Amino acid sequence: MHFLLVYEVGAEFVERRAAFRDGHMALAREAQARGELVAAGTLAEPVDTALLLFRGDSAGVAERFAAADPYVLSGLVHRWRVRPWIASISEEMAAPPRL
């Protein structure tokens, strides 16, 4: 299953994230190495949302990431939520599910 971790960030995110970026990226690399984190990035113009796509048995994989993320712990992320994500087309899927 896939889960989308949605971060809502404020206008100060771009300016303040540098102090926490190394810790955030280390956490992301560890999650990627475990096969949990599939993709991540921010939406632009404006930068107000970041999206992280996880693979796992439950939403817990994304929730644990958020709970340990320096961006969340420092207050850079104003709000976060996890949503199940059903891929219609994906490089990972030879036959996507019928909806």
PDB file of N, CA and C in Angstrom:
ATOM      1  N   MET A   1       0.830  -1.174   0.000  1.00  0.00           N
ATOM      2  CA  MET A   1       0.000   0.000   0.000  1.00  0.00           C
ATOM      3  C   MET A   1       0.881   1.246   0.000  1.00  0.00           C
ATOM      4  N   HIS A   2       0.291   2.326  -0.491  1.00  0.00           N
ATOM      5  CA  HIS A   2       0.996   3.604  -0.505  1.00  0.00           C
ATOM      6  C   HIS A   2       0.263   4.611   0.370  1.00  0.00           C
ATOM      7  N   PHE A   3       1.055   5.513   0.969  1.00  0.00           N
ATOM      8  CA  PHE A   3       0.507   6.550   1.830  1.00  0.00           C
ATOM      9  C   PHE A   3       1.210   7.861   1.514  1.00  0.00           C
ATOM     10  N   LEU A   4       0.422   8.917   1.409  1.00  0.00           N
ATOM     11  CA  LEU A   4       0.954  10.234   1.114  1.00  0.00           C
ATOM     12  C   LEU A   4       0.990  11.047   2.408  1.00  0.00           C
ATOM     13  N   LEU A   5       2.179  11.496   2.779  1.00  0.00           N
ATOM     14  CA  LEU A   5       2.356  12.373   3.928  1.00  0.00           C
ATOM     15  C   LEU A   5       2.340  13.801   3.393  1.00  0.00           C
ATOM     16  N   VAL A   6       1.387  14.582   3.860  1.00  0.00           N
ATOM     17  CA  VAL A   6       1.199  15.956   3.387  1.00  0.00           C
ATOM     18  C   VAL A   6       1.616  16.907   4.503  1.00  0.00           C
ATOM     19  N   TYR A   7       2.603  17.744   4.205  1.00  0.00           N
ATOM     20  CA  TYR A   7       3.061  18.761   5.138  1.00  0.00           C
ATOM     21  C   TYR A   7       2.533  20.110   4.668  1.00  0.00           C
ATOM     22  N   GLU A   8       1.921  20.859   5.566  1.00  0.00           N
ATOM     23  CA  GLU A   8       1.566  22.248   5.288  1.00  0.00           C
ATOM     24  C   GLU A   8       2.619  23.110   5.975  1.00  0.00           C
ATOM     25  N   VAL A   9       3.272  23.948   5.183  1.00  0.00           N
ATOM     26  CA  VAL A   9       4.353  24.782   5.705  1.00  0.00           C
ATOM     27  C   VAL A   9       4.025  26.248   5.475  1.00  0.00           C
ATOM     28  N   GLY A  10       4.681  27.114   6.240  1.00  0.00           N
ATOM     29  CA  GLY A  10       4.440  28.544   6.122  1.00  0.00           C
ATOM     30  C   GLY A  10       5.446  29.242   5.237  1.00  0.00           C
ATOM     31  N   ALA A  11       5.261  30.539   5.120  1.00  0.00           N
ATOM     32  CA  ALA A  11       6.119  31.361   4.263  1.00  0.00           C
ATOM     33  C   ALA A  11       7.580  31.325   4.709  1.00  0.00           C
ATOM     34  N   GLU A  12       7.820  31.053   6.001  1.00  0.00           N
ATOM     35  CA  GLU A  12       9.187  31.048   6.534  1.00  0.00           C
ATOM     36  C   GLU A  12       9.934  29.745   6.238  1.00  0.00           C
ATOM     37  N   PHE A  13       9.258  28.768   5.671  1.00  0.00           N
ATOM     38  CA  PHE A  13       9.846  27.440   5.470  1.00  0.00           C
ATOM     39  C   PHE A  13      11.147  27.492   4.674  1.00  0.00           C
ATOM     40  N   VAL A  14      11.136  28.145   3.536  1.00  0.00           N
ATOM     41  CA  VAL A  14      12.321  28.167   2.665  1.00  0.00           C
ATOM     42  C   VAL A  14      13.502  28.816   3.376  1.00  0.00           C
ATOM     43  N   GLU A  15      13.254  29.900   4.101  1.00  0.00           N
ATOM     44  CA  GLU A  15      14.344  30.605   4.772  1.00  0.00           C
ATOM     45  C   GLU A  15      14.875  29.848   5.986  1.00  0.00           C
ATOM     46  N   ARG A  16      14.006  29.145   6.715  1.00  0.00           N
ATOM     47  CA  ARG A  16      14.409  28.506   7.975  1.00  0.00           C
ATOM     48  C   ARG A  16      14.831  27.048   7.846  1.00  0.00           C
ATOM     49  N   ARG A  17      14.546  26.395   6.747  1.00  0.00           N
ATOM     50  CA  ARG A  17      14.778  24.951   6.680  1.00  0.00           C
ATOM     51  C   ARG A  17      16.247  24.548   6.670  1.00  0.00           C
ATOM     52  N   ALA A  18      17.135  25.424   6.271  1.00  0.00           N
ATOM     53  CA  ALA A  18      18.555  25.074   6.152  1.00  0.00           C
ATOM     54  C   ALA A  18      19.108  24.516   7.466  1.00  0.00           C
ATOM     55  N   ALA A  19      18.686  25.064   8.590  1.00  0.00           N
ATOM     56  CA  ALA A  19      19.196  24.621   9.892  1.00  0.00           C
ATOM     57  C   ALA A  19      18.771  23.192  10.225  1.00  0.00           C
ATOM     58  N   PHE A  20      17.713  22.699   9.586  1.00  0.00           N
ATOM     59  CA  PHE A  20      17.161  21.382   9.896  1.00  0.00           C
ATOM     60  C   PHE A  20      17.259  20.403   8.724  1.00  0.00           C
ATOM     61  N   ARG A  21      17.774  20.881   7.612  1.00  0.00           N
ATOM     62  CA  ARG A  21      17.768  20.084   6.378  1.00  0.00           C
ATOM     63  C   ARG A  21      18.616  18.817   6.480  1.00  0.00           C
ATOM     64  N   ASP A  22      19.796  18.886   7.070  1.00  0.00           N
ATOM     65  CA  ASP A  22      20.654  17.695   7.161  1.00  0.00           C
ATOM     66  C   ASP A  22      19.943  16.570   7.913  1.00  0.00           C
ATOM     67  N   GLY A  23      19.331  16.900   9.041  1.00  0.00           N
ATOM     68  CA  GLY A  23      18.610  15.892   9.811  1.00  0.00           C
ATOM     69  C   GLY A  23      17.410  15.339   9.054  1.00  0.00           C
ATOM     70  N   HIS A  24      16.685  16.223   8.386  1.00  0.00           N
ATOM     71  CA  HIS A  24      15.537  15.786   7.586  1.00  0.00           C
ATOM     72  C   HIS A  24      15.983  14.863   6.459  1.00  0.00           C
ATOM     73  N   MET A  25      17.027  15.238   5.757  1.00  0.00           N
ATOM     74  CA  MET A  25      17.505  14.433   4.633  1.00  0.00           C
ATOM     75  C   MET A  25      18.076  13.100   5.102  1.00  0.00           C
ATOM     76  N   ALA A  26      18.748  13.064   6.247  1.00  0.00           N
ATOM     77  CA  ALA A  26      19.254  11.796   6.779  1.00  0.00           C
ATOM     78  C   ALA A  26      18.091  10.859   7.090  1.00  0.00           C
ATOM     79  N   LEU A  27      17.044  11.382   7.695  1.00  0.00           N
ATOM     80  CA  LEU A  27      15.852  10.587   7.988  1.00  0.00           C
ATOM     81  C   LEU A  27      15.224  10.074   6.694  1.00  0.00           C
ATOM     82  N   ALA A  28      15.166  10.939   5.693  1.00  0.00           N
ATOM     83  CA  ALA A  28      14.591  10.551   4.396  1.00  0.00           C
ATOM     84  C   ALA A  28      15.433   9.474   3.716  1.00  0.00           C
ATOM     85  N   ARG A  29      16.740   9.614   3.743  1.00  0.00           N
ATOM     86  CA  ARG A  29      17.614   8.605   3.123  1.00  0.00           C
ATOM     87  C   ARG A  29      17.476   7.244   3.813  1.00  0.00           C
ATOM     88  N   GLU A  30      17.345   7.266   5.138  1.00  0.00           N
ATOM     89  CA  GLU A  30      17.157   6.012   5.882  1.00  0.00           C
ATOM     90  C   GLU A  30      15.828   5.346   5.485  1.00  0.00           C
ATOM     91  N   ALA A  31      14.776   6.144   5.380  1.00  0.00           N
ATOM     92  CA  ALA A  31      13.472   5.611   4.983  1.00  0.00           C
ATOM     93  C   ALA A  31      13.511   5.080   3.550  1.00  0.00           C
ATOM     94  N   GLN A  32      14.240   5.760   2.685  1.00  0.00           N
ATOM     95  CA  GLN A  32      14.384   5.296   1.304  1.00  0.00           C
ATOM     96  C   GLN A  32      15.168   3.988   1.255  1.00  0.00           C
ATOM     97  N   ALA A  33      16.221   3.894   2.031  1.00  0.00           N
ATOM     98  CA  ALA A  33      17.041   2.678   2.055  1.00  0.00           C
ATOM     99  C   ALA A  33      16.242   1.473   2.550  1.00  0.00           C
ATOM    100  N   ARG A  34      15.303   1.701   3.441  1.00  0.00           N
ATOM    101  CA  ARG A  34      14.441   0.620   3.933  1.00  0.00           C
ATOM    102  C   ARG A  34      13.325   0.274   2.950  1.00  0.00           C
ATOM    103  N   GLY A  35      13.227   1.026   1.860  1.00  0.00           N
ATOM    104  CA  GLY A  35      12.183   0.784   0.869  1.00  0.00           C
ATOM    105  C   GLY A  35      10.852   1.415   1.231  1.00  0.00           C
ATOM    106  N   GLU A  36      10.847   2.327   2.199  1.00  0.00           N
ATOM    107  CA  GLU A  36       9.603   2.959   2.645  1.00  0.00           C
ATOM    108  C   GLU A  36       9.296   4.243   1.890  1.00  0.00           C
ATOM    109  N   LEU A  37      10.274   5.105   1.723  1.00  0.00           N
ATOM    110  CA  LEU A  37      10.062   6.388   1.059  1.00  0.00           C
ATOM    111  C   LEU A  37      10.275   6.223  -0.437  1.00  0.00           C
ATOM    112  N   VAL A  38       9.246   6.515  -1.210  1.00  0.00           N
ATOM    113  CA  VAL A  38       9.284   6.342  -2.665  1.00  0.00           C
ATOM    114  C   VAL A  38       9.685   7.633  -3.353  1.00  0.00           C
ATOM    115  N   ALA A  39       9.125   8.749  -2.924  1.00  0.00           N
ATOM    116  CA  ALA A  39       9.405  10.050  -3.537  1.00  0.00           C
ATOM    117  C   ALA A  39       9.049  11.140  -2.539  1.00  0.00           C
ATOM    118  N   ALA A  40       9.684  12.310  -2.688  1.00  0.00           N
ATOM    119  CA  ALA A  40       9.399  13.427  -1.793  1.00  0.00           C
ATOM    120  C   ALA A  40       9.778  14.730  -2.469  1.00  0.00           C
ATOM    121  N   GLY A  41       9.093  15.795  -2.100  1.00  0.00           N
ATOM    122  CA  GLY A  41       9.417  17.115  -2.623  1.00  0.00           C
ATOM    123  C   GLY A  41       8.388  18.138  -2.198  1.00  0.00           C
ATOM    124  N   THR A  42       8.626  19.387  -2.608  1.00  0.00           N
ATOM    125  CA  THR A  42       7.718  20.470  -2.263  1.00  0.00           C
ATOM    126  C   THR A  42       6.968  20.954  -3.507  1.00  0.00           C
ATOM    127  N   LEU A  43       5.804  21.503  -3.253  1.00  0.00           N
ATOM    128  CA  LEU A  43       5.078  22.195  -4.313  1.00  0.00           C
ATOM    129  C   LEU A  43       5.618  23.613  -4.370  1.00  0.00           C
ATOM    130  N   ALA A  44       5.686  24.177  -5.562  1.00  0.00           N
ATOM    131  CA  ALA A  44       6.276  25.497  -5.738  1.00  0.00           C
ATOM    132  C   ALA A  44       5.232  26.523  -6.167  1.00  0.00           C
ATOM    133  N   GLU A  45       5.628  27.761  -5.992  1.00  0.00           N
ATOM    134  CA  GLU A  45       4.863  28.922  -6.462  1.00  0.00           C
ATOM    135  C   GLU A  45       3.447  28.955  -5.943  1.00  0.00           C
ATOM    136  N   PRO A  46       3.256  29.054  -4.652  1.00  0.00           N
ATOM    137  CA  PRO A  46       4.236  29.235  -3.581  1.00  0.00           C
ATOM    138  C   PRO A  46       4.638  27.905  -2.961  1.00  0.00           C
ATOM    139  N   VAL A  47       5.752  27.931  -2.233  1.00  0.00           N
ATOM    140  CA  VAL A  47       6.170  26.756  -1.464  1.00  0.00           C
ATOM    141  C   VAL A  47       5.333  26.764  -0.186  1.00  0.00           C
ATOM    142  N   ASP A  48       4.251  25.994  -0.186  1.00  0.00           N
ATOM    143  CA  ASP A  48       3.370  25.954   0.982  1.00  0.00           C
ATOM    144  C   ASP A  48       3.004  24.528   1.382  1.00  0.00           C
ATOM    145  N   THR A  49       3.436  23.565   0.581  1.00  0.00           N
ATOM    146  CA  THR A  49       3.100  22.162   0.821  1.00  0.00           C
ATOM    147  C   THR A  49       4.270  21.289   0.397  1.00  0.00           C
ATOM    148  N   ALA A  50       4.533  20.264   1.207  1.00  0.00           N
ATOM    149  CA  ALA A  50       5.506  19.233   0.831  1.00  0.00           C
ATOM    150  C   ALA A  50       4.770  17.901   0.820  1.00  0.00           C
ATOM    151  N   LEU A  51       5.146  17.024  -0.102  1.00  0.00           N
ATOM    152  CA  LEU A  51       4.507  15.727  -0.255  1.00  0.00           C
ATOM    153  C   LEU A  51       5.567  14.635  -0.191  1.00  0.00           C
ATOM    154  N   LEU A  52       5.298  13.609   0.606  1.00  0.00           N
ATOM    155  CA  LEU A  52       6.205  12.477   0.731  1.00  0.00           C
ATOM    156  C   LEU A  52       5.394  11.214   0.516  1.00  0.00           C
ATOM    157  N   LEU A  53       5.786  10.409  -0.442  1.00  0.00           N
ATOM    158  CA  LEU A  53       5.062   9.189  -0.779  1.00  0.00           C
ATOM    159  C   LEU A  53       5.760   7.990  -0.149  1.00  0.00           C
ATOM    160  N   PHE A  54       5.021   7.251   0.670  1.00  0.00           N
ATOM    161  CA  PHE A  54       5.547   6.092   1.385  1.00  0.00           C
ATOM    162  C   PHE A  54       4.884   4.804   0.911  1.00  0.00           C
ATOM    163  N   ARG A  55       5.612   3.713   1.061  1.00  0.00           N
ATOM    164  CA  ARG A  55       5.102   2.368   0.808  1.00  0.00           C
ATOM    165  C   ARG A  55       5.207   1.608   2.129  1.00  0.00           C
ATOM    166  N   GLY A  56       4.106   0.934   2.516  1.00  0.00           N
ATOM    167  CA  GLY A  56       4.132   0.174   3.762  1.00  0.00           C
ATOM    168  C   GLY A  56       2.831  -0.557   3.998  1.00  0.00           C
ATOM    169  N   ASP A  57       2.800  -1.303   5.088  1.00  0.00           N
ATOM    170  CA  ASP A  57       1.607  -2.075   5.440  1.00  0.00           C
ATOM    171  C   ASP A  57       0.513  -1.217   6.059  1.00  0.00           C
ATOM    172  N   SER A  58       0.902  -0.054   6.610  1.00  0.00           N
ATOM    173  CA  SER A  58      -0.079   0.813   7.255  1.00  0.00           C
ATOM    174  C   SER A  58       0.404   2.259   7.185  1.00  0.00           C
ATOM    175  N   ALA A  59      -0.469   3.167   7.572  1.00  0.00           N
ATOM    176  CA  ALA A  59      -0.125   4.586   7.606  1.00  0.00           C
ATOM    177  C   ALA A  59       0.977   4.864   8.627  1.00  0.00           C
ATOM    178  N   GLY A  60       1.211   3.912   9.521  1.00  0.00           N
ATOM    179  CA  GLY A  60       2.234   4.087  10.545  1.00  0.00           C
ATOM    180  C   GLY A  60       3.601   4.403   9.995  1.00  0.00           C
ATOM    181  N   VAL A  61       3.917   3.902   8.818  1.00  0.00           N
ATOM    182  CA  VAL A  61       5.236   4.160   8.229  1.00  0.00           C
ATOM    183  C   VAL A  61       5.429   5.663   8.003  1.00  0.00           C
ATOM    184  N   ALA A  62       4.417   6.352   7.521  1.00  0.00           N
ATOM    185  CA  ALA A  62       4.496   7.799   7.306  1.00  0.00           C
ATOM    186  C   ALA A  62       4.361   8.554   8.619  1.00  0.00           C
ATOM    187  N   GLU A  63       3.502   8.079   9.511  1.00  0.00           N
ATOM    188  CA  GLU A  63       3.311   8.734  10.803  1.00  0.00           C
ATOM    189  C   GLU A  63       4.586   8.717  11.635  1.00  0.00           C
ATOM    190  N   ARG A  64       5.295   7.604  11.616  1.00  0.00           N
ATOM    191  CA  ARG A  64       6.565   7.513  12.361  1.00  0.00           C
ATOM    192  C   ARG A  64       7.600   8.472  11.786  1.00  0.00           C
ATOM    193  N   PHE A  65       7.622   8.596  10.459  1.00  0.00           N
ATOM    194  CA  PHE A  65       8.548   9.532   9.830  1.00  0.00           C
ATOM    195  C   PHE A  65       8.252  10.947  10.312  1.00  0.00           C
ATOM    196  N   ALA A  66       6.998  11.357  10.237  1.00  0.00           N
ATOM    197  CA  ALA A  66       6.627  12.716  10.647  1.00  0.00           C
ATOM    198  C   ALA A  66       6.965  12.963  12.115  1.00  0.00           C
ATOM    199  N   ALA A  67       6.720  11.984  12.965  1.00  0.00           N
ATOM    200  CA  ALA A  67       6.971  12.138  14.397  1.00  0.00           C
ATOM    201  C   ALA A  67       8.449  12.353  14.712  1.00  0.00           C
ATOM    202  N   ALA A  68       9.337  11.900  13.827  1.00  0.00           N
ATOM    203  CA  ALA A  68      10.782  12.022  14.045  1.00  0.00           C
ATOM    204  C   ALA A  68      11.432  13.108  13.192  1.00  0.00           C
ATOM    205  N   ASP A  69      10.675  13.714  12.292  1.00  0.00           N
ATOM    206  CA  ASP A  69      11.240  14.655  11.326  1.00  0.00           C
ATOM    207  C   ASP A  69      11.606  15.989  11.982  1.00  0.00           C
ATOM    208  N   PRO A  70      12.867  16.432  11.840  1.00  0.00           N
ATOM    209  CA  PRO A  70      13.270  17.722  12.385  1.00  0.00           C
ATOM    210  C   PRO A  70      12.425  18.893  11.868  1.00  0.00           C
ATOM    211  N   TYR A  71      11.906  18.803  10.665  1.00  0.00           N
ATOM    212  CA  TYR A  71      11.028  19.870  10.155  1.00  0.00           C
ATOM    213  C   TYR A  71       9.764  19.973  10.999  1.00  0.00           C
ATOM    214  N   VAL A  72       9.216  18.844  11.393  1.00  0.00           N
ATOM    215  CA  VAL A  72       8.016  18.832  12.235  1.00  0.00           C
ATOM    216  C   VAL A  72       8.377  19.263  13.655  1.00  0.00           C
ATOM    217  N   LEU A  73       9.431  18.674  14.196  1.00  0.00           N
ATOM    218  CA  LEU A  73       9.821  18.948  15.579  1.00  0.00           C
ATOM    219  C   LEU A  73      10.210  20.405  15.803  1.00  0.00           C
ATOM    220  N   SER A  74      10.723  21.074  14.775  1.00  0.00           N
ATOM    221  CA  SER A  74      11.138  22.472  14.896  1.00  0.00           C
ATOM    222  C   SER A  74       9.992  23.446  14.668  1.00  0.00           C
ATOM    223  N   GLY A  75       8.837  22.955  14.251  1.00  0.00           N
ATOM    224  CA  GLY A  75       7.700  23.836  13.983  1.00  0.00           C
ATOM    225  C   GLY A  75       7.643  24.372  12.567  1.00  0.00           C
ATOM    226  N   LEU A  76       8.558  23.938  11.705  1.00  0.00           N
ATOM    227  CA  LEU A  76       8.499  24.381  10.306  1.00  0.00           C
ATOM    228  C   LEU A  76       7.248  23.851   9.605  1.00  0.00           C
ATOM    229  N   VAL A  77       6.820  22.676  10.000  1.00  0.00           N
ATOM    230  CA  VAL A  77       5.590  22.104   9.460  1.00  0.00           C
ATOM    231  C   VAL A  77       4.462  22.532  10.394  1.00  0.00           C
ATOM    232  N   HIS A  78       3.518  23.280   9.854  1.00  0.00           N
ATOM    233  CA  HIS A  78       2.417  23.798  10.663  1.00  0.00           C
ATOM    234  C   HIS A  78       1.354  22.737  10.919  1.00  0.00           C
ATOM    235  N   ARG A  79       1.196  21.847   9.957  1.00  0.00           N
ATOM    236  CA  ARG A  79       0.203  20.777  10.082  1.00  0.00           C
ATOM    237  C   ARG A  79       0.615  19.660   9.138  1.00  0.00           C
ATOM    238  N   TRP A  80       0.357  18.414   9.548  1.00  0.00           N
ATOM    239  CA  TRP A  80       0.618  17.281   8.648  1.00  0.00           C
ATOM    240  C   TRP A  80      -0.510  16.279   8.782  1.00  0.00           C
ATOM    241  N   ARG A  81      -0.665  15.498   7.709  1.00  0.00           N
ATOM    242  CA  ARG A  81      -1.666  14.439   7.694  1.00  0.00           C
ATOM    243  C   ARG A  81      -1.206  13.344   6.752  1.00  0.00           C
ATOM    244  N   VAL A  82      -1.735  12.158   6.961  1.00  0.00           N
ATOM    245  CA  VAL A  82      -1.410  11.009   6.112  1.00  0.00           C
ATOM    246  C   VAL A  82      -2.692  10.551   5.439  1.00  0.00           C
ATOM    247  N   ARG A  83      -2.593  10.307   4.142  1.00  0.00           N
ATOM    248  CA  ARG A  83      -3.738   9.827   3.370  1.00  0.00           C
ATOM    249  C   ARG A  83      -3.325   8.587   2.585  1.00  0.00           C
ATOM    250  N   PRO A  84      -4.185   7.564   2.538  1.00  0.00           N
ATOM    251  CA  PRO A  84      -3.907   6.426   1.661  1.00  0.00           C
ATOM    252  C   PRO A  84      -3.885   6.928   0.218  1.00  0.00           C
ATOM    253  N   TRP A  85      -3.012   6.366  -0.584  1.00  0.00           N
ATOM    254  CA  TRP A  85      -2.878   6.796  -1.970  1.00  0.00           C
ATOM    255  C   TRP A  85      -2.968   5.579  -2.871  1.00  0.00           C
ATOM    256  N   ILE A  86      -3.883   5.624  -3.809  1.00  0.00           N
ATOM    257  CA  ILE A  86      -4.069   4.522  -4.756  1.00  0.00           C
ATOM    258  C   ILE A  86      -3.529   4.975  -6.112  1.00  0.00           C
ATOM    259  N   ALA A  87      -2.491   4.314  -6.558  1.00  0.00           N
ATOM    260  CA  ALA A  87      -1.879   4.672  -7.832  1.00  0.00           C
ATOM    261  C   ALA A  87      -2.693   4.118  -8.987  1.00  0.00           C
ATOM    262  N   SER A  88      -2.977   4.954  -9.954  1.00  0.00           N
ATOM    263  CA  SER A  88      -3.618   4.502 -11.184  1.00  0.00           C
ATOM    264  C   SER A  88      -2.561   4.049 -12.185  1.00  0.00           C
ATOM    265  N   ILE A  89      -1.456   4.771 -12.190  1.00  0.00           N
ATOM    266  CA  ILE A  89      -0.327   4.435 -13.056  1.00  0.00           C
ATOM    267  C   ILE A  89       0.938   4.648 -12.237  1.00  0.00           C
ATOM    268  N   SER A  90       1.838   3.680 -12.269  1.00  0.00           N
ATOM    269  CA  SER A  90       3.064   3.778 -11.499  1.00  0.00           C
ATOM    270  C   SER A  90       4.132   2.928 -12.159  1.00  0.00           C
ATOM    271  N   GLU A  91       5.384   3.339 -12.039  1.00  0.00           N
ATOM    272  CA  GLU A  91       6.488   2.537 -12.553  1.00  0.00           C
ATOM    273  C   GLU A  91       6.568   1.197 -11.842  1.00  0.00           C
ATOM    274  N   GLU A  92       6.097   1.144 -10.584  1.00  0.00           N
ATOM    275  CA  GLU A  92       6.161  -0.069  -9.792  1.00  0.00           C
ATOM    276  C   GLU A  92       5.098  -1.100 -10.173  1.00  0.00           C
ATOM    277  N   MET A  93       4.057  -0.649 -10.844  1.00  0.00           N
ATOM    278  CA  MET A  93       2.899  -1.525 -11.052  1.00  0.00           C
ATOM    279  C   MET A  93       2.765  -1.963 -12.497  1.00  0.00           C
ATOM    280  N   ALA A  94       2.841  -3.234 -12.722  1.00  0.00           N
ATOM    281  CA  ALA A  94       2.618  -3.749 -14.074  1.00  0.00           C
ATOM    282  C   ALA A  94       1.129  -3.695 -14.417  1.00  0.00           C
ATOM    283  N   ALA A  95       0.282  -3.965 -13.445  1.00  0.00           N
ATOM    284  CA  ALA A  95      -1.162  -3.945 -13.663  1.00  0.00           C
ATOM    285  C   ALA A  95      -1.814  -3.154 -12.519  1.00  0.00           C
ATOM    286  N   PRO A  96      -2.134  -1.882 -12.751  1.00  0.00           N
ATOM    287  CA  PRO A  96      -2.738  -1.084 -11.705  1.00  0.00           C
ATOM    288  C   PRO A  96      -4.108  -1.624 -11.308  1.00  0.00           C
ATOM    289  N   PRO A  97      -4.523  -1.361 -10.060  1.00  0.00           N
ATOM    290  CA  PRO A  97      -5.819  -1.853  -9.615  1.00  0.00           C
ATOM    291  C   PRO A  97      -6.974  -1.198 -10.354  1.00  0.00           C
ATOM    292  N   ARG A  98      -8.056  -1.903 -10.492  1.00  0.00           N
ATOM    293  CA  ARG A  98      -9.276  -1.343 -11.075  1.00  0.00           C
ATOM    294  C   ARG A  98     -10.016  -0.584 -10.002  1.00  0.00           C
ATOM    295  N   LEU A  99     -10.431   0.617 -10.318  1.00  0.00           N
ATOM    296  CA  LEU A  99     -11.177   1.431  -9.350  1.00  0.00           C
ATOM    297  C   LEU A  99     -12.657   1.375  -9.646  1.00  0.00           C
TER     298      LEU A  99
END
